[in-house]
Amino acid sequence: MKTKDSLNPEQIARVAKALGHPTRIAILQFLLRQPSCFFGDIHEVLPIAKATVSQHLKELKEAGLIQGEIKAPKVKYCIHRQHWEEARRLFAAFFAEEPAGSVAGKGCCE
């Protein structure tokens, strides 16, 4: 994840896609509450198949929101703090933009 002064649509879309599934949100919420955990810990709290958990973890890793470290024979996961902060800044800047011609409380068609 690169940090730039201007908003990067590709970065926003990549993170938004990763956040676009309730299971991935649940995984992130779980990981945010502890410094790190193993795959089995995540699977225990989510009522879904191991393969499904694995696929969601892969999506979150590809978006840069989490990182995994092999601690044979297990994999340990945690929030990728630097990328998490970059994503927070990116979305804060995106949602801070005021729509053109907007008036508080009114839409464009009013």
C-alpha atoms as a PDB file:
ATOM      1  CA  MET A   1       0.000   0.000   0.000  1.00  0.00           C
ATOM      2  CA  LYS A   2       1.547   3.299  -1.047  1.00  0.00           C
ATOM      3  CA  THR A   3       0.835   6.603   0.630  1.00  0.00           C
ATOM      4  CA  LYS A   4       0.153   9.566  -1.655  1.00  0.00           C
ATOM      5  CA  ASP A   5      -1.223  13.061  -1.204  1.00  0.00           C
ATOM      6  CA  SER A   6      -4.010  12.434  -3.730  1.00  0.00           C
ATOM      7  CA  LEU A   7      -6.589   9.714  -3.273  1.00  0.00           C
ATOM      8  CA  ASN A   8      -5.741   6.590  -5.204  1.00  0.00           C
ATOM      9  CA  PRO A   9      -8.911   4.944  -6.581  1.00  0.00           C
ATOM     10  CA  GLU A  10      -7.188   1.551  -6.902  1.00  0.00           C
ATOM     11  CA  GLN A  11      -6.174   1.542  -3.239  1.00  0.00           C
ATOM     12  CA  ILE A  12      -9.638   2.583  -2.108  1.00  0.00           C
ATOM     13  CA  ALA A  13     -11.273  -0.092  -4.277  1.00  0.00           C
ATOM     14  CA  ARG A  14      -8.903  -2.846  -3.092  1.00  0.00           C
ATOM     15  CA  VAL A  15      -9.589  -2.143   0.571  1.00  0.00           C
ATOM     16  CA  ALA A  16     -13.323  -1.602  -0.021  1.00  0.00           C
ATOM     17  CA  LYS A  17     -13.525  -4.973  -1.774  1.00  0.00           C
ATOM     18  CA  ALA A  18     -11.799  -6.648   1.172  1.00  0.00           C
ATOM     19  CA  LEU A  19     -14.312  -5.011   3.527  1.00  0.00           C
ATOM     20  CA  GLY A  20     -17.218  -6.038   1.297  1.00  0.00           C
ATOM     21  CA  HIS A  21     -18.085  -9.325   3.012  1.00  0.00           C
ATOM     22  CA  PRO A  22     -19.538  -9.755   6.519  1.00  0.00           C
ATOM     23  CA  THR A  23     -17.198 -12.658   7.306  1.00  0.00           C
ATOM     24  CA  ARG A  24     -14.125 -10.559   6.514  1.00  0.00           C
ATOM     25  CA  ILE A  25     -15.486  -7.798   8.756  1.00  0.00           C
ATOM     26  CA  ALA A  26     -15.954 -10.388  11.540  1.00  0.00           C
ATOM     27  CA  ILE A  27     -12.385 -11.629  11.062  1.00  0.00           C
ATOM     28  CA  LEU A  28     -11.036  -8.076  11.264  1.00  0.00           C
ATOM     29  CA  GLN A  29     -13.113  -7.327  14.363  1.00  0.00           C
ATOM     30  CA  PHE A  30     -11.750 -10.485  15.987  1.00  0.00           C
ATOM     31  CA  LEU A  31      -8.140  -9.628  15.075  1.00  0.00           C
ATOM     32  CA  LEU A  32      -8.514  -6.037  16.266  1.00  0.00           C
ATOM     33  CA  ARG A  33      -9.246  -7.309  19.784  1.00  0.00           C
ATOM     34  CA  GLN A  34      -5.945  -9.181  20.200  1.00  0.00           C
ATOM     35  CA  PRO A  35      -2.302  -8.732  19.242  1.00  0.00           C
ATOM     36  CA  SER A  36      -2.305 -11.939  17.151  1.00  0.00           C
ATOM     37  CA  CYS A  37      -3.911 -15.363  16.887  1.00  0.00           C
ATOM     38  CA  PHE A  38      -3.668 -18.629  15.010  1.00  0.00           C
ATOM     39  CA  PHE A  39      -5.894 -19.849  12.198  1.00  0.00           C
ATOM     40  CA  GLY A  40      -7.617 -22.313  14.546  1.00  0.00           C
ATOM     41  CA  ASP A  41      -8.585 -19.486  16.912  1.00  0.00           C
ATOM     42  CA  ILE A  42     -10.310 -17.642  14.067  1.00  0.00           C
ATOM     43  CA  HIS A  43     -12.031 -20.800  12.844  1.00  0.00           C
ATOM     44  CA  GLU A  44     -13.368 -21.519  16.354  1.00  0.00           C
ATOM     45  CA  VAL A  45     -15.260 -18.211  16.554  1.00  0.00           C
ATOM     46  CA  LEU A  46     -16.698 -18.299  13.024  1.00  0.00           C
ATOM     47  CA  PRO A  47     -19.378 -20.852  12.123  1.00  0.00           C
ATOM     48  CA  ILE A  48     -17.973 -21.564   8.646  1.00  0.00           C
ATOM     49  CA  ALA A  49     -15.764 -24.152   6.955  1.00  0.00           C
ATOM     50  CA  LYS A  50     -11.980 -23.959   7.316  1.00  0.00           C
ATOM     51  CA  ALA A  51     -11.588 -23.529   3.555  1.00  0.00           C
ATOM     52  CA  THR A  52     -13.930 -20.527   3.645  1.00  0.00           C
ATOM     53  CA  VAL A  53     -12.010 -18.929   6.522  1.00  0.00           C
ATOM     54  CA  SER A  54      -8.801 -19.530   4.590  1.00  0.00           C
ATOM     55  CA  GLN A  55     -10.199 -17.834   1.471  1.00  0.00           C
ATOM     56  CA  HIS A  56     -11.314 -14.778   3.459  1.00  0.00           C
ATOM     57  CA  LEU A  57      -7.912 -14.535   5.165  1.00  0.00           C
ATOM     58  CA  LYS A  58      -6.277 -14.646   1.726  1.00  0.00           C
ATOM     59  CA  GLU A  59      -8.452 -11.732   0.536  1.00  0.00           C
ATOM     60  CA  LEU A  60      -7.572  -9.685   3.622  1.00  0.00           C
ATOM     61  CA  LYS A  61      -3.855 -10.417   3.164  1.00  0.00           C
ATOM     62  CA  GLU A  62      -3.975  -9.430  -0.514  1.00  0.00           C
ATOM     63  CA  ALA A  63      -5.592  -6.127   0.473  1.00  0.00           C
ATOM     64  CA  GLY A  64      -2.760  -5.589   2.962  1.00  0.00           C
ATOM     65  CA  LEU A  65      -5.034  -5.371   6.001  1.00  0.00           C
ATOM     66  CA  ILE A  66      -3.610  -8.414   7.780  1.00  0.00           C
ATOM     67  CA  GLN A  67      -0.376 -10.348   7.780  1.00  0.00           C
ATOM     68  CA  GLY A  68       0.357 -13.981   8.443  1.00  0.00           C
ATOM     69  CA  GLU A  69       3.488 -15.580   9.817  1.00  0.00           C
ATOM     70  CA  ILE A  70       4.215 -19.287   9.650  1.00  0.00           C
ATOM     71  CA  LYS A  71       4.924 -20.755  13.075  1.00  0.00           C
ATOM     72  CA  ALA A  72       5.187 -24.376  11.940  1.00  0.00           C
ATOM     73  CA  PRO A  73       2.864 -26.174  11.830  1.00  0.00           C
ATOM     74  CA  LYS A  74       0.478 -23.227  12.342  1.00  0.00           C
ATOM     75  CA  VAL A  75      -0.046 -19.787  10.796  1.00  0.00           C
ATOM     76  CA  LYS A  76      -0.297 -16.780  13.098  1.00  0.00           C
ATOM     77  CA  TYR A  77      -2.342 -13.748  11.925  1.00  0.00           C
ATOM     78  CA  CYS A  78      -2.533 -10.127  13.018  1.00  0.00           C
ATOM     79  CA  ILE A  79      -3.594  -6.720  11.736  1.00  0.00           C
ATOM     80  CA  HIS A  80      -0.913  -5.168   9.512  1.00  0.00           C
ATOM     81  CA  ARG A  81      -0.719  -1.991  11.570  1.00  0.00           C
ATOM     82  CA  GLN A  82       1.007   0.240   9.016  1.00  0.00           C
ATOM     83  CA  HIS A  83      -1.401  -0.698   6.221  1.00  0.00           C
ATOM     84  CA  TRP A  84      -4.368  -0.480   8.609  1.00  0.00           C
ATOM     85  CA  GLU A  85      -3.451   3.120   9.465  1.00  0.00           C
ATOM     86  CA  GLU A  86      -2.952   3.942   5.781  1.00  0.00           C
ATOM     87  CA  ALA A  87      -6.396   2.510   4.984  1.00  0.00           C
ATOM     88  CA  ARG A  88      -7.948   4.547   7.811  1.00  0.00           C
ATOM     89  CA  ARG A  89      -6.375   7.744   6.477  1.00  0.00           C
ATOM     90  CA  LEU A  90      -7.391   6.888   2.915  1.00  0.00           C
ATOM     91  CA  PHE A  91     -11.056   6.361   3.821  1.00  0.00           C
ATOM     92  CA  ALA A  92     -11.120   9.361   6.162  1.00  0.00           C
ATOM     93  CA  ALA A  93      -9.854  11.573   3.324  1.00  0.00           C
ATOM     94  CA  PHE A  94     -12.297  10.019   0.853  1.00  0.00           C
ATOM     95  CA  PHE A  95     -15.336  10.526   3.098  1.00  0.00           C
ATOM     96  CA  ALA A  96     -14.180  14.002   4.128  1.00  0.00           C
ATOM     97  CA  GLU A  97     -14.694  15.222   0.567  1.00  0.00           C
ATOM     98  CA  GLU A  98     -17.853  17.301   0.292  1.00  0.00           C
ATOM     99  CA  PRO A  99     -20.090  16.547  -2.708  1.00  0.00           C
ATOM    100  CA  ALA A 100     -20.038  19.357  -5.284  1.00  0.00           C
ATOM    101  CA  GLY A 101     -22.939  21.765  -4.930  1.00  0.00           C
ATOM    102  CA  SER A 102     -24.221  20.090  -1.797  1.00  0.00           C
ATOM    103  CA  VAL A 103     -26.283  21.879   0.784  1.00  0.00           C
ATOM    104  CA  ALA A 104     -26.429  20.403   4.262  1.00  0.00           C
ATOM    105  CA  GLY A 105     -29.344  17.998   4.512  1.00  0.00           C
ATOM    106  CA  LYS A 106     -30.361  18.236   0.838  1.00  0.00           C
ATOM    107  CA  GLY A 107     -29.602  16.058  -2.129  1.00  0.00           C
ATOM    108  CA  CYS A 108     -28.916  17.115  -5.698  1.00  0.00           C
ATOM    109  CA  CYS A 109     -32.527  16.640  -6.803  1.00  0.00           C
ATOM    110  CA  GLU A 110     -34.198  18.752  -4.142  1.00  0.00           C
END
